Structures are given as C-alpha cells and as structure tokens.
PDB file of N, CA and C in Angstrom:
ATOM      1  N   MET A   1      64.420 -15.959 -25.302  1.00  0.00           N
ATOM      2  CA  MET A   1      63.212 -15.834 -24.490  1.00  0.00           C
ATOM      3  C   MET A   1      62.641 -17.206 -24.139  1.00  0.00           C
ATOM      4  N   SER A   2      62.651 -18.136 -25.092  1.00  0.00           N
ATOM      5  CA  SER A   2      62.090 -19.464 -24.827  1.00  0.00           C
ATOM      6  C   SER A   2      62.952 -20.241 -23.834  1.00  0.00           C
ATOM      7  N   LYS A   3      64.266 -20.004 -23.831  1.00  0.00           N
ATOM      8  CA  LYS A   3      65.130 -20.657 -22.852  1.00  0.00           C
ATOM      9  C   LYS A   3      64.812 -20.167 -21.443  1.00  0.00           C
ATOM     10  N   LEU A   4      64.567 -18.876 -21.299  1.00  0.00           N
ATOM     11  CA  LEU A   4      64.227 -18.305 -19.997  1.00  0.00           C
ATOM     12  C   LEU A   4      62.910 -18.881 -19.492  1.00  0.00           C
ATOM     13  N   LEU A   5      61.930 -18.971 -20.353  1.00  0.00           N
ATOM     14  CA  LEU A   5      60.639 -19.541 -19.991  1.00  0.00           C
ATOM     15  C   LEU A   5      60.796 -21.023 -19.599  1.00  0.00           C
ATOM     16  N   PHE A   6      61.632 -21.731 -20.316  1.00  0.00           N
ATOM     17  CA  PHE A   6      61.895 -23.145 -19.996  1.00  0.00           C
ATOM     18  C   PHE A   6      62.461 -23.282 -18.585  1.00  0.00           C
ATOM     19  N   TRP A   7      63.452 -22.473 -18.236  1.00  0.00           N
ATOM     20  CA  TRP A   7      64.072 -22.567 -16.916  1.00  0.00           C
ATOM     21  C   TRP A   7      63.122 -22.127 -15.803  1.00  0.00           C
ATOM     22  N   ILE A   8      62.273 -21.150 -16.074  1.00  0.00           N
ATOM     23  CA  ILE A   8      61.279 -20.728 -15.081  1.00  0.00           C
ATOM     24  C   ILE A   8      60.313 -21.878 -14.784  1.00  0.00           C
ATOM     25  N   VAL A   9      59.867 -22.558 -15.816  1.00  0.00           N
ATOM     26  CA  VAL A   9      58.960 -23.700 -15.635  1.00  0.00           C
ATOM     27  C   VAL A   9      59.653 -24.815 -14.853  1.00  0.00           C
ATOM     28  N   ILE A  10      60.890 -25.109 -15.160  1.00  0.00           N
ATOM     29  CA  ILE A  10      61.649 -26.143 -14.454  1.00  0.00           C
ATOM     30  C   ILE A  10      61.802 -25.776 -12.975  1.00  0.00           C
ATOM     31  N   ILE A  11      62.169 -24.559 -12.679  1.00  0.00           N
ATOM     32  CA  ILE A  11      62.373 -24.118 -11.289  1.00  0.00           C
ATOM     33  C   ILE A  11      61.057 -24.166 -10.525  1.00  0.00           C
ATOM     34  N   LEU A  12      59.965 -23.684 -11.132  1.00  0.00           N
ATOM     35  CA  LEU A  12      58.657 -23.741 -10.466  1.00  0.00           C
ATOM     36  C   LEU A  12      58.229 -25.192 -10.209  1.00  0.00           C
ATOM     37  N   GLY A  13      58.534 -26.071 -11.136  1.00  0.00           N
ATOM     38  CA  GLY A  13      58.216 -27.490 -10.943  1.00  0.00           C
ATOM     39  C   GLY A  13      58.974 -28.087  -9.769  1.00  0.00           C
ATOM     40  N   ILE A  14      60.246 -27.763  -9.647  1.00  0.00           N
ATOM     41  CA  ILE A  14      61.062 -28.272  -8.542  1.00  0.00           C
ATOM     42  C   ILE A  14      60.567 -27.707  -7.213  1.00  0.00           C
ATOM     43  N   VAL A  15      60.288 -26.418  -7.166  1.00  0.00           N
ATOM     44  CA  VAL A  15      59.788 -25.794  -5.937  1.00  0.00           C
ATOM     45  C   VAL A  15      58.443 -26.420  -5.543  1.00  0.00           C
ATOM     46  N   GLY A  16      57.569 -26.606  -6.495  1.00  0.00           N
ATOM     47  CA  GLY A  16      56.270 -27.230  -6.220  1.00  0.00           C
ATOM     48  C   GLY A  16      56.416 -28.640  -5.690  1.00  0.00           C
ATOM     49  N   TYR A  17      57.335 -29.405  -6.249  1.00  0.00           N
ATOM     50  CA  TYR A  17      57.579 -30.776  -5.798  1.00  0.00           C
ATOM     51  C   TYR A  17      58.104 -30.791  -4.356  1.00  0.00           C
ATOM     52  N   VAL A  18      59.032 -29.903  -4.034  1.00  0.00           N
ATOM     53  CA  VAL A  18      59.592 -29.845  -2.684  1.00  0.00           C
ATOM     54  C   VAL A  18      58.511 -29.461  -1.675  1.00  0.00           C
ATOM     55  N   VAL A  19      57.687 -28.471  -2.010  1.00  0.00           N
ATOM     56  CA  VAL A  19      56.606 -28.062  -1.112  1.00  0.00           C
ATOM     57  C   VAL A  19      55.630 -29.222  -0.898  1.00  0.00           C
ATOM     58  N   TYR A  20      55.280 -29.915  -1.970  1.00  0.00           N
ATOM     59  CA  TYR A  20      54.367 -31.062  -1.876  1.00  0.00           C
ATOM     60  C   TYR A  20      54.937 -32.149  -0.963  1.00  0.00           C
ATOM     61  N   LYS A  21      56.198 -32.474  -1.114  1.00  0.00           N
ATOM     62  CA  LYS A  21      56.829 -33.517  -0.298  1.00  0.00           C
ATOM     63  C   LYS A  21      56.890 -33.114   1.176  1.00  0.00           C
ATOM     64  N   ARG A  22      57.184 -31.860   1.451  1.00  0.00           N
ATOM     65  CA  ARG A  22      57.243 -31.403   2.849  1.00  0.00           C
ATOM     66  C   ARG A  22      55.870 -31.484   3.506  1.00  0.00           C
ATOM     67  N   ARG A  23      54.832 -31.096   2.787  1.00  0.00           N
ATOM     68  CA  ARG A  23      53.477 -31.178   3.350  1.00  0.00           C
ATOM     69  C   ARG A  23      53.079 -32.633   3.590  1.00  0.00           C
ATOM     70  N   ALA A  24      53.395 -33.494   2.670  1.00  0.00           N
ATOM     71  CA  ALA A  24      53.055 -34.906   2.824  1.00  0.00           C
ATOM     72  C   ALA A  24      53.784 -35.504   4.018  1.00  0.00           C
ATOM     73  N   ARG A  25      55.027 -35.125   4.214  1.00  0.00           N
ATOM     74  CA  ARG A  25      55.812 -35.647   5.324  1.00  0.00           C
ATOM     75  C   ARG A  25      55.304 -35.101   6.657  1.00  0.00           C
ATOM     76  N   SER A  26      54.922 -33.830   6.710  1.00  0.00           N
ATOM     77  CA  SER A  26      54.478 -33.245   7.973  1.00  0.00           C
ATOM     78  C   SER A  26      53.105 -33.778   8.371  1.00  0.00           C
ATOM     79  N   THR A  27      52.208 -34.047   7.446  1.00  0.00           N
ATOM     80  CA  THR A  27      50.898 -34.608   7.799  1.00  0.00           C
ATOM     81  C   THR A  27      51.015 -36.066   8.211  1.00  0.00           C
ATOM     82  N   ALA A  28      52.020 -36.752   7.744  1.00  0.00           N
ATOM     83  CA  ALA A  28      52.205 -38.156   8.126  1.00  0.00           C
ATOM     84  C   ALA A  28      52.637 -38.277   9.582  1.00  0.00           C
ATOM     85  N   ARG A  29      53.245 -37.234  10.134  1.00  0.00           N
ATOM     86  CA  ARG A  29      53.744 -37.282  11.503  1.00  0.00           C
ATOM     87  C   ARG A  29      52.826 -36.609  12.514  1.00  0.00           C
ATOM     88  N   LEU A  30      51.607 -36.301  12.138  1.00  0.00           N
ATOM     89  CA  LEU A  30      50.705 -35.642  13.076  1.00  0.00           C
ATOM     90  C   LEU A  30      50.369 -36.571  14.237  1.00  0.00           C
ATOM     91  N   PRO A  31      50.503 -36.088  15.471  1.00  0.00           N
ATOM     92  CA  PRO A  31      50.153 -36.932  16.608  1.00  0.00           C
ATOM     93  C   PRO A  31      48.638 -37.122  16.682  1.00  0.00           C
ATOM     94  N   GLY A  32      48.242 -38.282  17.127  1.00  0.00           N
ATOM     95  CA  GLY A  32      46.822 -38.564  17.286  1.00  0.00           C
ATOM     96  C   GLY A  32      46.155 -39.125  16.045  1.00  0.00           C
ATOM     97  N   VAL A  33      46.850 -39.146  14.936  1.00  0.00           N
ATOM     98  CA  VAL A  33      46.277 -39.701  13.716  1.00  0.00           C
ATOM     99  C   VAL A  33      46.546 -41.200  13.715  1.00  0.00           C
ATOM    100  N   LYS A  34      45.474 -41.974  13.743  1.00  0.00           N
ATOM    101  CA  LYS A  34      45.617 -43.419  13.786  1.00  0.00           C
ATOM    102  C   LYS A  34      45.044 -44.020  12.504  1.00  0.00           C
ATOM    103  N   PRO A  35      45.598 -45.116  12.039  1.00  0.00           N
ATOM    104  CA  PRO A  35      45.020 -45.759  10.865  1.00  0.00           C
ATOM    105  C   PRO A  35      43.639 -46.319  11.207  1.00  0.00           C
ATOM    106  N   LEU A  36      42.780 -46.371  10.212  1.00  0.00           N
ATOM    107  CA  LEU A  36      41.441 -46.901  10.419  1.00  0.00           C
ATOM    108  C   LEU A  36      41.497 -48.390  10.703  1.00  0.00           C
ATOM    109  N   ASP A  37      40.671 -48.831  11.640  1.00  0.00           N
ATOM    110  CA  ASP A  37      40.578 -50.249  11.927  1.00  0.00           C
ATOM    111  C   ASP A  37      39.710 -50.908  10.863  1.00  0.00           C
ATOM    112  N   THR A  38      40.031 -52.133  10.558  1.00  0.00           N
ATOM    113  CA  THR A  38      39.189 -52.859   9.619  1.00  0.00           C
ATOM    114  C   THR A  38      38.053 -53.498  10.375  1.00  0.00           C
ATOM    115  N   LEU A  39      36.937 -53.645   9.736  1.00  0.00           N
ATOM    116  CA  LEU A  39      35.751 -54.199  10.349  1.00  0.00           C
ATOM    117  C   LEU A  39      35.715 -55.700  10.083  1.00  0.00           C
ATOM    118  N   GLU A  40      35.660 -56.487  11.147  1.00  0.00           N
ATOM    119  CA  GLU A  40      35.562 -57.929  10.986  1.00  0.00           C
ATOM    120  C   GLU A  40      34.113 -58.283  10.690  1.00  0.00           C
ATOM    121  N   THR A  41      33.905 -59.113   9.669  1.00  0.00           N
ATOM    122  CA  THR A  41      32.552 -59.498   9.287  1.00  0.00           C
ATOM    123  C   THR A  41      32.409 -61.011   9.270  1.00  0.00           C
ATOM    124  N   VAL A  42      31.169 -61.465   9.392  1.00  0.00           N
ATOM    125  CA  VAL A  42      30.832 -62.875   9.270  1.00  0.00           C
ATOM    126  C   VAL A  42      29.680 -62.989   8.288  1.00  0.00           C
ATOM    127  N   ARG A  43      29.541 -64.158   7.704  1.00  0.00           N
ATOM    128  CA  ARG A  43      28.502 -64.378   6.708  1.00  0.00           C
ATOM    129  C   ARG A  43      27.292 -65.052   7.343  1.00  0.00           C
ATOM    130  N   CYS A  44      26.113 -64.543   7.040  1.00  0.00           N
ATOM    131  CA  CYS A  44      24.868 -65.126   7.546  1.00  0.00           C
ATOM    132  C   CYS A  44      24.684 -66.503   6.935  1.00  0.00           C
ATOM    133  N   ALA A  45      24.438 -67.508   7.778  1.00  0.00           N
ATOM    134  CA  ALA A  45      24.265 -68.879   7.302  1.00  0.00           C
ATOM    135  C   ALA A  45      22.965 -69.038   6.520  1.00  0.00           C
ATOM    136  N   GLU A  46      22.029 -68.127   6.680  1.00  0.00           N
ATOM    137  CA  GLU A  46      20.736 -68.217   5.998  1.00  0.00           C
ATOM    138  C   GLU A  46      20.745 -67.525   4.640  1.00  0.00           C
ATOM    139  N   CYS A  47      21.139 -66.259   4.599  1.00  0.00           N
ATOM    140  CA  CYS A  47      21.022 -65.497   3.347  1.00  0.00           C
ATOM    141  C   CYS A  47      22.367 -65.171   2.689  1.00  0.00           C
ATOM    142  N   GLY A  48      23.472 -65.329   3.416  1.00  0.00           N
ATOM    143  CA  GLY A  48      24.790 -65.083   2.833  1.00  0.00           C
ATOM    144  C   GLY A  48      25.279 -63.644   2.945  1.00  0.00           C
ATOM    145  N   VAL A  49      24.489 -62.770   3.534  1.00  0.00           N
ATOM    146  CA  VAL A  49      24.888 -61.372   3.702  1.00  0.00           C
ATOM    147  C   VAL A  49      25.986 -61.276   4.757  1.00  0.00           C
ATOM    148  N   PHE A  50      26.953 -60.377   4.540  1.00  0.00           N
ATOM    149  CA  PHE A  50      28.010 -60.160   5.522  1.00  0.00           C
ATOM    150  C   PHE A  50      27.544 -59.133   6.549  1.00  0.00           C
ATOM    151  N   THR A  51      27.771 -59.445   7.810  1.00  0.00           N
ATOM    152  CA  THR A  51      27.361 -58.609   8.925  1.00  0.00           C
ATOM    153  C   THR A  51      28.564 -58.379   9.834  1.00  0.00           C
ATOM    154  N   ALA A  52      28.597 -57.230  10.488  1.00  0.00           N
ATOM    155  CA  ALA A  52      29.670 -56.956  11.444  1.00  0.00           C
ATOM    156  C   ALA A  52      29.676 -58.059  12.499  1.00  0.00           C
ATOM    157  N   LYS A  53      30.853 -58.558  12.809  1.00  0.00           N
ATOM    158  CA  LYS A  53      30.981 -59.679  13.745  1.00  0.00           C
ATOM    159  C   LYS A  53      30.386 -59.347  15.109  1.00  0.00           C
ATOM    160  N   ASN A  54      30.547 -58.113  15.552  1.00  0.00           N
ATOM    161  CA  ASN A  54      30.049 -57.745  16.876  1.00  0.00           C
ATOM    162  C   ASN A  54      28.529 -57.547  16.896  1.00  0.00           C
ATOM    163  N   LYS A  55      27.872 -57.509  15.747  1.00  0.00           N
ATOM    164  CA  LYS A  55      26.418 -57.359  15.690  1.00  0.00           C
ATOM    165  C   LYS A  55      25.722 -58.620  15.213  1.00  0.00           C
ATOM    166  N   ALA A  56      26.484 -59.638  14.880  1.00  0.00           N
ATOM    167  CA  ALA A  56      25.902 -60.872  14.357  1.00  0.00           C
ATOM    168  C   ALA A  56      25.223 -61.660  15.478  1.00  0.00           C
ATOM    169  N   VAL A  57      24.187 -62.406  15.091  1.00  0.00           N
ATOM    170  CA  VAL A  57      23.469 -63.284  16.014  1.00  0.00           C
ATOM    171  C   VAL A  57      24.122 -64.663  15.917  1.00  0.00           C
ATOM    172  N   LYS A  58      24.454 -65.249  17.062  1.00  0.00           N
ATOM    173  CA  LYS A  58      25.075 -66.575  17.097  1.00  0.00           C
ATOM    174  C   LYS A  58      24.042 -67.594  17.562  1.00  0.00           C
ATOM    175  N   ARG A  59      23.922 -68.700  16.825  1.00  0.00           N
ATOM    176  CA  ARG A  59      23.021 -69.775  17.236  1.00  0.00           C
ATOM    177  C   ARG A  59      23.486 -71.062  16.574  1.00  0.00           C
ATOM    178  N   ASP A  60      23.482 -72.147  17.330  1.00  0.00           N
ATOM    179  CA  ASP A  60      23.864 -73.472  16.835  1.00  0.00           C
ATOM    180  C   ASP A  60      25.224 -73.467  16.147  1.00  0.00           C
ATOM    181  N   GLY A  61      26.118 -72.643  16.623  1.00  0.00           N
ATOM    182  CA  GLY A  61      27.471 -72.597  16.062  1.00  0.00           C
ATOM    183  C   GLY A  61      27.580 -71.845  14.750  1.00  0.00           C
ATOM    184  N   HIS A  62      26.543 -71.129  14.352  1.00  0.00           N
ATOM    185  CA  HIS A  62      26.538 -70.364  13.108  1.00  0.00           C
ATOM    186  C   HIS A  62      26.288 -68.892  13.407  1.00  0.00           C
ATOM    187  N   SER A  63      26.597 -68.056  12.428  1.00  0.00           N
ATOM    188  CA  SER A  63      26.366 -66.621  12.543  1.00  0.00           C
ATOM    189  C   SER A  63      25.234 -66.233  11.607  1.00  0.00           C
ATOM    190  N   PHE A  64      24.409 -65.267  12.063  1.00  0.00           N
ATOM    191  CA  PHE A  64      23.267 -64.811  11.283  1.00  0.00           C
ATOM    192  C   PHE A  64      23.192 -63.297  11.337  1.00  0.00           C
ATOM    193  N   CYS A  65      22.525 -62.717  10.338  1.00  0.00           N
ATOM    194  CA  CYS A  65      22.389 -61.260  10.294  1.00  0.00           C
ATOM    195  C   CYS A  65      21.239 -60.777  11.160  1.00  0.00           C
ATOM    196  N   SER A  66      20.307 -61.670  11.538  1.00  0.00           N
ATOM    197  CA  SER A  66      19.172 -61.269  12.370  1.00  0.00           C
ATOM    198  C   SER A  66      18.644 -62.492  13.119  1.00  0.00           C
ATOM    199  N   TRP A  67      17.821 -62.208  14.162  1.00  0.00           N
ATOM    200  CA  TRP A  67      17.203 -63.302  14.913  1.00  0.00           C
ATOM    201  C   TRP A  67      16.238 -64.079  14.029  1.00  0.00           C
ATOM    202  N   GLU A  68      15.576 -63.385  13.103  1.00  0.00           N
ATOM    203  CA  GLU A  68      14.633 -64.050  12.206  1.00  0.00           C
ATOM    204  C   GLU A  68      15.328 -65.097  11.345  1.00  0.00           C
ATOM    205  N   HIS A  69      16.496 -64.747  10.833  1.00  0.00           N
ATOM    206  CA  HIS A  69      17.235 -65.704  10.008  1.00  0.00           C
ATOM    207  C   HIS A  69      17.785 -66.851  10.846  1.00  0.00           C
ATOM    208  N   ALA A  70      18.171 -66.570  12.085  1.00  0.00           N
ATOM    209  CA  ALA A  70      18.643 -67.645  12.975  1.00  0.00           C
ATOM    210  C   ALA A  70      17.513 -68.631  13.234  1.00  0.00           C
ATOM    211  N   GLN A  71      16.314 -68.111  13.481  1.00  0.00           N
ATOM    212  CA  GLN A  71      15.168 -68.982  13.745  1.00  0.00           C
ATOM    213  C   GLN A  71      14.770 -69.761  12.498  1.00  0.00           C
ATOM    214  N   LYS A  72      14.753 -69.094  11.360  1.00  0.00           N
ATOM    215  CA  LYS A  72      14.386 -69.760  10.098  1.00  0.00           C
ATOM    216  C   LYS A  72      15.359 -70.899   9.785  1.00  0.00           C
ATOM    217  N   TRP A  73      16.659 -70.637   9.947  1.00  0.00           N
ATOM    218  CA  TRP A  73      17.665 -71.664   9.683  1.00  0.00           C
ATOM    219  C   TRP A  73      17.518 -72.816  10.675  1.00  0.00           C
ATOM    220  N   HIS A  74      17.306 -72.484  11.938  1.00  0.00           N
ATOM    221  CA  HIS A  74      17.166 -73.500  12.978  1.00  0.00           C
ATOM    222  C   HIS A  74      15.939 -74.382  12.722  1.00  0.00           C
ATOM    223  N   ASP A  75      14.807 -73.760  12.387  1.00  0.00           N
ATOM    224  CA  ASP A  75      13.584 -74.521  12.106  1.00  0.00           C
ATOM    225  C   ASP A  75      13.783 -75.466  10.928  1.00  0.00           C
ATOM    226  N   ARG A  76      14.422 -75.000   9.894  1.00  0.00           N
ATOM    227  CA  ARG A  76      14.629 -75.815   8.696  1.00  0.00           C
ATOM    228  C   ARG A  76      15.591 -76.978   8.969  1.00  0.00           C
ATOM    229  N   HIS A  77      16.638 -76.737   9.746  1.00  0.00           N
ATOM    230  CA  HIS A  77      17.640 -77.772   9.970  1.00  0.00           C
ATOM    231  C   HIS A  77      17.305 -78.700  11.152  1.00  0.00           C
ATOM    232  N   SER A  78      16.573 -78.212  12.106  1.00  0.00           N
ATOM    233  CA  SER A  78      16.247 -79.086  13.231  1.00  0.00           C
ATOM    234  C   SER A  78      15.152 -80.080  12.852  1.00  0.00           C
ATOM    235  N   SER A  79      14.261 -79.749  11.919  1.00  0.00           N
ATOM    236  CA  SER A  79      13.210 -80.680  11.500  1.00  0.00           C
ATOM    237  C   SER A  79      13.794 -81.834  10.697  1.00  0.00           C
ATOM    238  N   SER A  80      14.869 -81.609   9.960  1.00  0.00           N
ATOM    239  CA  SER A  80      15.484 -82.688   9.177  1.00  0.00           C
ATOM    240  C   SER A  80      16.325 -83.601  10.060  1.00  0.00           C
ATOM    241  N   ASP A  81      16.729 -83.135  11.244  1.00  0.00           N
ATOM    242  CA  ASP A  81      17.515 -83.958  12.165  1.00  0.00           C
ATOM    243  C   ASP A  81      16.663 -85.034  12.819  1.00  0.00           C
ATOM    244  N   HIS A  82      15.355 -84.788  12.992  1.00  0.00           N
ATOM    245  CA  HIS A  82      14.472 -85.700  13.684  1.00  0.00           C
ATOM    246  C   HIS A  82      13.886 -86.765  12.759  1.00  0.00           C
ATOM    247  N   SER A  83      14.077 -86.681  11.470  1.00  0.00           N
ATOM    248  CA  SER A  83      13.490 -87.637  10.532  1.00  0.00           C
ATOM    249  C   SER A  83      14.240 -88.926  10.461  1.00  0.00           C
TER     250      SER A  83
END
C-alpha cells in the first residue's frame, strides 16, 4: 500500500510540474505584454532627494526637485560668487 501511495505522489508531482511549466511558457508569449520601463531619476542639488528626470527643475546646470530648491540653491551660491 505504501508503494502505491509513493508512486501516486510522484506521478502527481510530475503532472503538476508539467502543468506549471506550460502555464509559465504560455504567459511569457502573450502578445502586447511589454517589460516595465525603468524611471530615470536625478538628484536634487539642494536636498539630495531623487526626482523623476522629466519632472526635475533645471537651473544653472543642476537639477532640483522644486523651483523653491532651485531658487534657494541659486541664492546661496550666487552671493558667494560676488564676494
């Protein structure tokens, strides 16, 4: 009886593995499924936070997370240039 149970478990395991592999292969070939694009980020020169490159504020050759940080950085660095 234990030998029969052993072989039933082995056969069910093999069948389950084959079904799993077929499903994985068929979903991999679905048309229209595209890999996710990675988001390009830049670091704010003022606070160091990473912001999406397409939403970042550019000023004086640097990237910022907001206009406020661009202005704050500019005010701090432009005053030291005139001294």
